[in-house]
C-alpha atoms as a PDB file:
ATOM      1  CA  MET A   1       0.049   0.001  -0.243  1.00  0.00           C
ATOM      2  CA  PHE A   2       1.409   3.384  -1.012  1.00  0.00           C
ATOM      3  CA  ALA A   3       0.767   6.234   0.821  1.00  0.00           C
ATOM      4  CA  VAL A   4      -1.720   9.253   0.257  1.00  0.00           C
ATOM      5  CA  HIS A   5      -1.093  12.868   0.271  1.00  0.00           C
ATOM      6  CA  ALA A   6      -3.373  15.515   2.463  1.00  0.00           C
ATOM      7  CA  MET A   7      -4.259  18.866   0.655  1.00  0.00           C
ATOM      8  CA  ARG A   8      -4.408  21.480   2.028  1.00  0.00           C
ATOM      9  CA  LEU A   9      -7.354  24.058   0.495  1.00  0.00           C
ATOM     10  CA  PRO A  10      -5.919  26.531  -1.117  1.00  0.00           C
ATOM     11  CA  ALA A  11      -5.922  29.620   1.124  1.00  0.00           C
ATOM     12  CA  ALA A  12      -8.270  31.980  -0.708  1.00  0.00           C
ATOM     13  CA  LEU A  13     -11.031  29.820  -0.152  1.00  0.00           C
ATOM     14  CA  GLY A  14     -10.887  31.377   3.120  1.00  0.00           C
ATOM     15  CA  LEU A  15     -12.276  30.091   7.286  1.00  0.00           C
ATOM     16  CA  GLN A  16     -16.267  30.564   6.537  1.00  0.00           C
ATOM     17  CA  PHE A  17     -15.564  27.808   3.620  1.00  0.00           C
ATOM     18  CA  ARG A  18     -12.849  25.164   4.993  1.00  0.00           C
ATOM     19  CA  GLN A  19     -15.286  25.487   9.203  1.00  0.00           C
ATOM     20  CA  GLN A  20     -18.104  25.021   6.449  1.00  0.00           C
ATOM     21  CA  LEU A  21     -16.380  21.491   4.815  1.00  0.00           C
ATOM     22  CA  ARG A  22     -15.570  20.614   7.857  1.00  0.00           C
ATOM     23  CA  TRP A  23     -19.040  19.930   8.605  1.00  0.00           C
ATOM     24  CA  MET A  24     -19.782  18.534   6.104  1.00  0.00           C
ATOM     25  CA  THR A  25     -17.313  15.854   5.236  1.00  0.00           C
ATOM     26  CA  SER A  26     -17.942  14.812   9.258  1.00  0.00           C
ATOM     27  CA  LYS A  27     -21.711  13.888   8.061  1.00  0.00           C
ATOM     28  CA  LYS A  28     -22.660  10.068   7.839  1.00  0.00           C
ATOM     29  CA  GLY A  29     -23.115   8.785   3.521  1.00  0.00           C
ATOM     30  CA  GLY A  30     -26.850   8.652   3.902  1.00  0.00           C
ATOM     31  CA  SER A  31     -28.705   6.150   1.353  1.00  0.00           C
ATOM     32  CA  SER A  32     -28.883   7.178  -2.639  1.00  0.00           C
ATOM     33  CA  HIS A  33     -32.125   9.075  -2.201  1.00  0.00           C
ATOM     34  CA  ARG A  34     -30.343  12.017   0.170  1.00  0.00           C
ATOM     35  CA  TYR A  35     -28.380  13.281  -3.312  1.00  0.00           C
ATOM     36  CA  MET A  36     -30.073  16.142  -4.082  1.00  0.00           C
ATOM     37  CA  ASP A  37     -29.880  17.095  -1.448  1.00  0.00           C
ATOM     38  CA  ARG A  38     -25.943  15.958  -0.620  1.00  0.00           C
ATOM     39  CA  GLN A  39     -25.676  18.244  -4.378  1.00  0.00           C
ATOM     40  CA  LEU A  40     -27.439  21.302  -2.536  1.00  0.00           C
ATOM     41  CA  GLN A  41     -25.201  21.249   0.018  1.00  0.00           C
ATOM     42  CA  ASP A  42     -21.929  20.450  -0.992  1.00  0.00           C
ATOM     43  CA  PRO A  43     -20.193  23.085  -0.719  1.00  0.00           C
ATOM     44  CA  PHE A  44     -17.604  22.273  -3.762  1.00  0.00           C
ATOM     45  CA  VAL A  45     -20.952  22.387  -5.115  1.00  0.00           C
ATOM     46  CA  LYS A  46     -22.000  25.890  -4.297  1.00  0.00           C
ATOM     47  CA  LEU A  47     -18.877  27.515  -4.668  1.00  0.00           C
ATOM     48  CA  ALA A  48     -17.976  26.043  -8.247  1.00  0.00           C
ATOM     49  CA  LYS A  49     -21.622  27.802  -8.924  1.00  0.00           C
ATOM     50  CA  SER A  50     -19.818  31.192  -7.930  1.00  0.00           C
ATOM     51  CA  GLU A  51     -17.351  30.715  -8.963  1.00  0.00           C
ATOM     52  CA  GLN A  52     -19.024  30.090 -13.018  1.00  0.00           C
ATOM     53  CA  PHE A  53     -17.280  26.508 -12.847  1.00  0.00           C
ATOM     54  CA  ARG A  54     -18.708  24.301 -14.887  1.00  0.00           C
ATOM     55  CA  SER A  55     -18.195  21.301 -12.578  1.00  0.00           C
ATOM     56  CA  ARG A  56     -17.059  20.757  -8.735  1.00  0.00           C
ATOM     57  CA  SER A  57     -14.091  18.465  -9.716  1.00  0.00           C
ATOM     58  CA  SER A  58     -12.410  21.778 -11.108  1.00  0.00           C
ATOM     59  CA  TYR A  59     -11.233  21.527  -6.957  1.00  0.00           C
ATOM     60  CA  LYS A  60      -9.829  18.590  -7.001  1.00  0.00           C
ATOM     61  CA  LEU A  61      -7.665  19.767 -10.260  1.00  0.00           C
ATOM     62  CA  ILE A  62      -6.836  23.708  -8.469  1.00  0.00           C
ATOM     63  CA  GLU A  63      -5.167  21.668  -5.345  1.00  0.00           C
ATOM     64  CA  ILE A  64      -3.498  19.123  -7.205  1.00  0.00           C
ATOM     65  CA  ILE A  65      -1.820  21.600  -9.606  1.00  0.00           C
ATOM     66  CA  ASP A  66      -1.119  24.423  -6.795  1.00  0.00           C
ATOM     67  CA  ARG A  67       0.469  21.752  -3.599  1.00  0.00           C
ATOM     68  CA  HIS A  68       2.915  20.423  -7.218  1.00  0.00           C
ATOM     69  CA  SER A  69       3.333  23.828  -8.923  1.00  0.00           C
ATOM     70  CA  LEU A  70       2.251  22.505 -11.523  1.00  0.00           C
ATOM     71  CA  ALA A  71       1.701  25.334 -14.329  1.00  0.00           C
ATOM     72  CA  PRO A  72       3.436  25.138 -17.266  1.00  0.00           C
ATOM     73  CA  LYS A  73       6.219  27.976 -17.932  1.00  0.00           C
ATOM     74  CA  ALA A  74       7.775  27.864 -20.968  1.00  0.00           C
ATOM     75  CA  ALA A  75       5.661  30.397 -24.320  1.00  0.00           C
ATOM     76  CA  ALA A  76       6.140  26.875 -26.005  1.00  0.00           C
ATOM     77  CA  THR A  77       4.388  24.611 -23.366  1.00  0.00           C
ATOM     78  CA  CYS A  78       0.885  22.912 -24.190  1.00  0.00           C
ATOM     79  CA  VAL A  79      -1.995  21.130 -21.580  1.00  0.00           C
ATOM     80  CA  VAL A  80      -3.611  18.609 -22.664  1.00  0.00           C
ATOM     81  CA  ASP A  81      -7.258  17.507 -20.835  1.00  0.00           C
ATOM     82  CA  CYS A  82      -8.082  14.390 -21.807  1.00  0.00           C
ATOM     83  CA  GLY A  83     -11.528  13.523 -20.663  1.00  0.00           C
ATOM     84  CA  ALA A  84     -12.598  16.900 -20.522  1.00  0.00           C
ATOM     85  CA  ALA A  85     -15.883  17.019 -21.100  1.00  0.00           C
ATOM     86  CA  PRO A  86     -17.342  19.334 -19.398  1.00  0.00           C
ATOM     87  CA  GLY A  87     -14.384  21.280 -19.464  1.00  0.00           C
ATOM     88  CA  GLY A  88     -13.920  21.434 -15.852  1.00  0.00           C
ATOM     89  CA  TRP A  89     -11.229  20.895 -15.517  1.00  0.00           C
ATOM     90  CA  SER A  90      -9.745  22.575 -19.122  1.00  0.00           C
ATOM     91  CA  GLN A  91     -11.663  25.996 -17.324  1.00  0.00           C
ATOM     92  CA  VAL A  92      -9.211  25.798 -14.387  1.00  0.00           C
ATOM     93  CA  ILE A  93      -5.689  25.706 -16.563  1.00  0.00           C
ATOM     94  CA  ALA A  94      -7.242  28.517 -18.649  1.00  0.00           C
ATOM     95  CA  ARG A  95      -8.499  30.339 -16.191  1.00  0.00           C
ATOM     96  CA  ARG A  96      -4.483  30.221 -15.187  1.00  0.00           C
ATOM     97  CA  PHE A  97      -2.697  30.006 -18.609  1.00  0.00           C
ATOM     98  CA  GLU A  98      -4.374  31.781 -20.650  1.00  0.00           C
ATOM     99  CA  SER A  99      -5.863  35.046 -22.232  1.00  0.00           C
ATOM    100  CA  THR A 100      -9.445  34.792 -22.630  1.00  0.00           C
ATOM    101  CA  SER A 101      -9.100  35.690 -26.234  1.00  0.00           C
ATOM    102  CA  LYS A 102     -11.007  33.010 -29.236  1.00  0.00           C
ATOM    103  CA  PRO A 103      -8.941  30.523 -30.264  1.00  0.00           C
ATOM    104  CA  ARG A 104      -7.356  30.904 -33.910  1.00  0.00           C
ATOM    105  CA  SER A 105      -6.314  28.824 -37.075  1.00  0.00           C
ATOM    106  CA  LEU A 106      -3.370  28.972 -38.023  1.00  0.00           C
ATOM    107  CA  PRO A 107      -0.233  28.146 -39.820  1.00  0.00           C
ATOM    108  CA  GLU A 108       0.946  24.951 -37.000  1.00  0.00           C
ATOM    109  CA  ASP A 109       4.909  26.603 -37.303  1.00  0.00           C
ATOM    110  CA  ASP A 110       3.188  29.857 -35.124  1.00  0.00           C
ATOM    111  CA  ILE A 111       4.017  28.875 -31.862  1.00  0.00           C
ATOM    112  CA  SER A 112       2.668  32.368 -30.415  1.00  0.00           C
ATOM    113  CA  ALA A 113       0.006  31.353 -31.960  1.00  0.00           C
ATOM    114  CA  SER A 114      -1.403  27.872 -31.840  1.00  0.00           C
ATOM    115  CA  PRO A 115      -3.418  27.054 -29.473  1.00  0.00           C
ATOM    116  CA  ARG A 116      -2.169  26.022 -25.558  1.00  0.00           C
ATOM    117  CA  ILE A 117      -4.354  23.944 -24.267  1.00  0.00           C
ATOM    118  CA  ILE A 118      -6.077  21.335 -25.839  1.00  0.00           C
ATOM    119  CA  ALA A 119      -9.080  19.229 -24.610  1.00  0.00           C
ATOM    120  CA  VAL A 120     -10.427  16.105 -25.865  1.00  0.00           C
ATOM    121  CA  ASP A 121     -13.776  14.387 -25.485  1.00  0.00           C
ATOM    122  CA  LEU A 122     -15.632  11.180 -26.803  1.00  0.00           C
ATOM    123  CA  LEU A 123     -18.751  14.431 -25.928  1.00  0.00           C
ATOM    124  CA  PRO A 124     -18.759  17.146 -27.066  1.00  0.00           C
ATOM    125  CA  MET A 125     -18.325  20.130 -25.213  1.00  0.00           C
ATOM    126  CA  GLN A 126     -19.111  23.596 -24.673  1.00  0.00           C
ATOM    127  CA  PRO A 127     -16.566  27.102 -26.058  1.00  0.00           C
ATOM    128  CA  ILE A 128     -14.335  28.027 -23.347  1.00  0.00           C
ATOM    129  CA  PRO A 129     -11.627  30.569 -24.742  1.00  0.00           C
ATOM    130  CA  SER A 130      -8.797  30.540 -25.353  1.00  0.00           C
ATOM    131  CA  VAL A 131      -8.928  25.834 -24.863  1.00  0.00           C
ATOM    132  CA  HIS A 132      -9.205  24.496 -28.382  1.00  0.00           C
ATOM    133  CA  PHE A 133     -11.968  21.056 -28.903  1.00  0.00           C
ATOM    134  CA  ILE A 134     -11.248  17.963 -30.807  1.00  0.00           C
ATOM    135  CA  GLN A 135     -14.549  15.813 -29.809  1.00  0.00           C
ATOM    136  CA  GLY A 136     -13.051  11.729 -30.564  1.00  0.00           C
ATOM    137  CA  ASP A 137     -11.703   8.938 -29.329  1.00  0.00           C
ATOM    138  CA  PHE A 138      -8.416  10.339 -28.412  1.00  0.00           C
ATOM    139  CA  LEU A 139      -6.615   6.966 -29.166  1.00  0.00           C
ATOM    140  CA  GLU A 140      -7.981   7.054 -32.560  1.00  0.00           C
ATOM    141  CA  GLN A 141      -5.481   7.694 -34.998  1.00  0.00           C
ATOM    142  CA  SER A 142      -7.205  10.665 -36.884  1.00  0.00           C
ATOM    143  CA  ILE A 143      -8.001  12.583 -33.609  1.00  0.00           C
ATOM    144  CA  LYS A 144      -4.125  12.194 -32.498  1.00  0.00           C
ATOM    145  CA  SER A 145      -3.604  13.994 -36.124  1.00  0.00           C
ATOM    146  CA  GLN A 146      -5.321  16.745 -34.858  1.00  0.00           C
ATOM    147  CA  ILE A 147      -3.574  16.569 -31.723  1.00  0.00           C
ATOM    148  CA  GLN A 148      -0.581  16.701 -33.777  1.00  0.00           C
ATOM    149  CA  SER A 149      -1.229  20.203 -35.894  1.00  0.00           C
ATOM    150  CA  ALA A 150      -3.079  21.635 -32.852  1.00  0.00           C
ATOM    151  CA  LEU A 151       0.079  22.012 -31.419  1.00  0.00           C
ATOM    152  CA  GLY A 152       1.840  22.865 -33.863  1.00  0.00           C
ATOM    153  CA  GLN A 153       5.587  23.438 -33.016  1.00  0.00           C
ATOM    154  CA  ARG A 154       4.299  23.492 -29.477  1.00  0.00           C
ATOM    155  CA  ARG A 155       5.643  20.645 -26.196  1.00  0.00           C
ATOM    156  CA  VAL A 156       3.405  18.789 -24.422  1.00  0.00           C
ATOM    157  CA  GLY A 157       4.175  20.287 -20.754  1.00  0.00           C
ATOM    158  CA  LEU A 158       1.296  18.763 -18.705  1.00  0.00           C
ATOM    159  CA  MET A 159      -1.582  16.650 -19.852  1.00  0.00           C
ATOM    160  CA  LEU A 160      -4.702  15.579 -17.372  1.00  0.00           C
ATOM    161  CA  SER A 161      -7.043  12.781 -17.355  1.00  0.00           C
ATOM    162  CA  ASP A 162     -10.488  12.445 -15.331  1.00  0.00           C
ATOM    163  CA  MET A 163     -11.308  10.170 -16.721  1.00  0.00           C
ATOM    164  CA  ALA A 164     -13.301   6.996 -15.822  1.00  0.00           C
ATOM    165  CA  PRO A 165     -14.797   4.014 -17.089  1.00  0.00           C
ATOM    166  CA  SER A 166     -18.757   3.339 -17.272  1.00  0.00           C
ATOM    167  CA  PHE A 167     -18.789   0.851 -14.035  1.00  0.00           C
ATOM    168  CA  THR A 168     -20.753  -2.706 -13.672  1.00  0.00           C
ATOM    169  CA  GLY A 169     -21.224  -2.740 -10.435  1.00  0.00           C
ATOM    170  CA  HIS A 170     -18.451  -6.059 -10.844  1.00  0.00           C
ATOM    171  CA  HIS A 171     -15.433  -5.145  -8.606  1.00  0.00           C
ATOM    172  CA  SER A 172     -12.981  -8.239 -10.803  1.00  0.00           C
ATOM    173  CA  VAL A 173     -14.766  -5.899 -14.461  1.00  0.00           C
ATOM    174  CA  ASP A 174     -14.820  -2.732 -13.098  1.00  0.00           C
ATOM    175  CA  ALA A 175     -11.498  -2.887 -11.130  1.00  0.00           C
ATOM    176  CA  ALA A 176      -9.861  -4.140 -15.043  1.00  0.00           C
ATOM    177  CA  ARG A 177     -12.098  -0.908 -17.297  1.00  0.00           C
ATOM    178  CA  THR A 178      -9.928   1.159 -14.660  1.00  0.00           C
ATOM    179  CA  MET A 179      -6.641   0.469 -14.961  1.00  0.00           C
ATOM    180  CA  ASN A 180      -7.616  -0.163 -18.697  1.00  0.00           C
ATOM    181  CA  LEU A 181      -8.919   3.748 -18.788  1.00  0.00           C
ATOM    182  CA  CYS A 182      -5.009   3.953 -17.509  1.00  0.00           C
ATOM    183  CA  GLU A 183      -2.961   2.640 -19.602  1.00  0.00           C
ATOM    184  CA  ASP A 184      -4.938   3.832 -22.395  1.00  0.00           C
ATOM    185  CA  VAL A 185      -3.942   7.795 -20.932  1.00  0.00           C
ATOM    186  CA  LEU A 186       0.206   6.735 -20.267  1.00  0.00           C
ATOM    187  CA  ALA A 187       0.601   5.423 -23.520  1.00  0.00           C
ATOM    188  CA  PHE A 188      -0.839   8.600 -24.760  1.00  0.00           C
ATOM    189  CA  SER A 189       1.531  10.639 -22.731  1.00  0.00           C
ATOM    190  CA  ASP A 190       4.246   8.993 -23.901  1.00  0.00           C
ATOM    191  CA  GLU A 191       2.983   9.806 -27.689  1.00  0.00           C
ATOM    192  CA  PHE A 192       2.781  13.724 -26.825  1.00  0.00           C
ATOM    193  CA  LEU A 193       4.200  14.579 -23.046  1.00  0.00           C
ATOM    194  CA  ALA A 194       7.065  16.476 -23.542  1.00  0.00           C
ATOM    195  CA  TYR A 195      11.007  15.654 -21.520  1.00  0.00           C
ATOM    196  CA  GLY A 196      10.061  17.394 -18.030  1.00  0.00           C
ATOM    197  CA  GLY A 197       6.665  17.438 -18.731  1.00  0.00           C
ATOM    198  CA  HIS A 198       4.058  16.730 -16.013  1.00  0.00           C
ATOM    199  CA  LEU A 199       0.770  13.643 -15.419  1.00  0.00           C
ATOM    200  CA  VAL A 200      -2.389  13.965 -13.378  1.00  0.00           C
ATOM    201  CA  LEU A 201      -4.251  11.264 -13.634  1.00  0.00           C
ATOM    202  CA  LYS A 202      -7.663   9.882 -11.647  1.00  0.00           C
ATOM    203  CA  PHE A 203      -7.421   6.093 -11.058  1.00  0.00           C
ATOM    204  CA  PHE A 204     -10.040   3.327  -8.313  1.00  0.00           C
ATOM    205  CA  MET A 205      -9.187   1.765  -5.934  1.00  0.00           C
ATOM    206  CA  GLY A 206      -9.634  -2.116  -6.708  1.00  0.00           C
ATOM    207  CA  GLY A 207      -6.492  -3.360  -7.810  1.00  0.00           C
ATOM    208  CA  GLY A 208      -3.921  -2.930 -10.081  1.00  0.00           C
ATOM    209  CA  GLU A 209      -3.560   0.589  -8.731  1.00  0.00           C
ATOM    210  CA  ALA A 210       0.281  -0.636  -7.416  1.00  0.00           C
ATOM    211  CA  GLU A 211       1.960  -1.928 -10.100  1.00  0.00           C
ATOM    212  CA  LEU A 212       0.710   1.030 -11.922  1.00  0.00           C
ATOM    213  CA  ARG A 213       2.043   2.545 -10.043  1.00  0.00           C
ATOM    214  CA  LYS A 214       5.092   1.226 -10.420  1.00  0.00           C
ATOM    215  CA  THR A 215       4.944   0.992 -14.273  1.00  0.00           C
ATOM    216  CA  LEU A 216       4.193   4.947 -13.846  1.00  0.00           C
ATOM    217  CA  ARG A 217       7.565   4.924 -12.458  1.00  0.00           C
ATOM    218  CA  GLU A 218       9.500   3.355 -15.448  1.00  0.00           C
ATOM    219  CA  SER A 219       9.020   7.189 -16.742  1.00  0.00           C
ATOM    220  CA  PHE A 220       8.480   9.807 -14.847  1.00  0.00           C
ATOM    221  CA  ASP A 221      11.159  10.901 -11.766  1.00  0.00           C
ATOM    222  CA  ARG A 222       8.085  11.000  -8.842  1.00  0.00           C
ATOM    223  CA  VAL A 223       4.814   8.968  -8.860  1.00  0.00           C
ATOM    224  CA  LEU A 224       2.871  10.455  -6.147  1.00  0.00           C
ATOM    225  CA  VAL A 225      -0.816  10.296  -4.950  1.00  0.00           C
ATOM    226  CA  GLU A 226      -2.906  11.864  -3.650  1.00  0.00           C
ATOM    227  CA  LYS A 227      -6.425  12.384  -2.938  1.00  0.00           C
ATOM    228  CA  PRO A 228      -8.163  15.998  -3.377  1.00  0.00           C
ATOM    229  CA  ASP A 229     -10.281  17.486  -0.263  1.00  0.00           C
ATOM    230  CA  ALA A 230     -12.969  17.949  -3.356  1.00  0.00           C
ATOM    231  CA  SER A 231     -13.097  14.036  -3.597  1.00  0.00           C
ATOM    232  CA  ARG A 232     -15.823  12.417  -1.591  1.00  0.00           C
ATOM    233  CA  LYS A 233     -14.624  10.384   1.380  1.00  0.00           C
ATOM    234  CA  GLN A 234     -16.732   8.131   0.005  1.00  0.00           C
ATOM    235  CA  SER A 235     -15.393   8.149  -3.152  1.00  0.00           C
ATOM    236  CA  SER A 236     -12.616   5.729  -4.240  1.00  0.00           C
ATOM    237  CA  GLU A 237     -11.601   7.899  -6.621  1.00  0.00           C
ATOM    238  CA  GLN A 238      -6.955   9.192  -6.125  1.00  0.00           C
ATOM    239  CA  TYR A 239      -4.847   9.984  -8.571  1.00  0.00           C
ATOM    240  CA  PHE A 240      -1.564  10.100  -9.219  1.00  0.00           C
ATOM    241  CA  VAL A 241       0.630  12.898  -9.767  1.00  0.00           C
ATOM    242  CA  CYS A 242       4.003  12.418 -11.825  1.00  0.00           C
ATOM    243  CA  ILE A 243       6.151  14.517 -12.125  1.00  0.00           C
ATOM    244  CA  GLY A 244       8.895  14.575 -14.581  1.00  0.00           C
ATOM    245  CA  LYS A 245       8.690  12.211 -17.839  1.00  0.00           C
ATOM    246  CA  ARG A 246      12.104  10.831 -18.770  1.00  0.00           C
ATOM    247  CA  VAL A 247      13.014   9.889 -21.847  1.00  0.00           C
END
């Protein structure tokens, strides 16, 4: 079993929000018919609505990138958000690292004009300023070609995956699907993530994660496991934070 790092809330969220979060997370989980009430009372849902983020998961990424200083600093780097819809993570990156100008179709050798954020998903996604969206399966060659074209001369300095497989309720099947999806993202990062780049990869506890971490360590200088405060305690989701891609 590997250690999971406790996450700290950004100071900007304030004391009142911290107190509210402690009150909420101290409650015992209710039955499924209380889901809607939980959503209405969830402080991260409320905060996402007030700050106009598309999903509460935005705060998971905020905590992770703040803790590990994952923001790409070089002007020639790009962020790729895999499984981006509805766009909460892309919004975080766009607000932090990009201007509000609309993406433009310009020559791929023009680094200053090519997008710094590329979002990919099977599902449609409403436009986000400064985010170049590609709809399709990131494993398909045609989609990879579109990503490469959008990158131009930029290098991918940060790759994100908040994806989850379709769950069946059968533990062994779900565990296998989770690991297969993670392995697909890792293979994709091998192809696109630049030397020294970082990967944030969601997984679910259930078997195979220790072996996956060993595999990740072969490709990255450091591999940490995080459980952000915005991740519900009853959820088995956690995140591999992979720092410093090797050649």
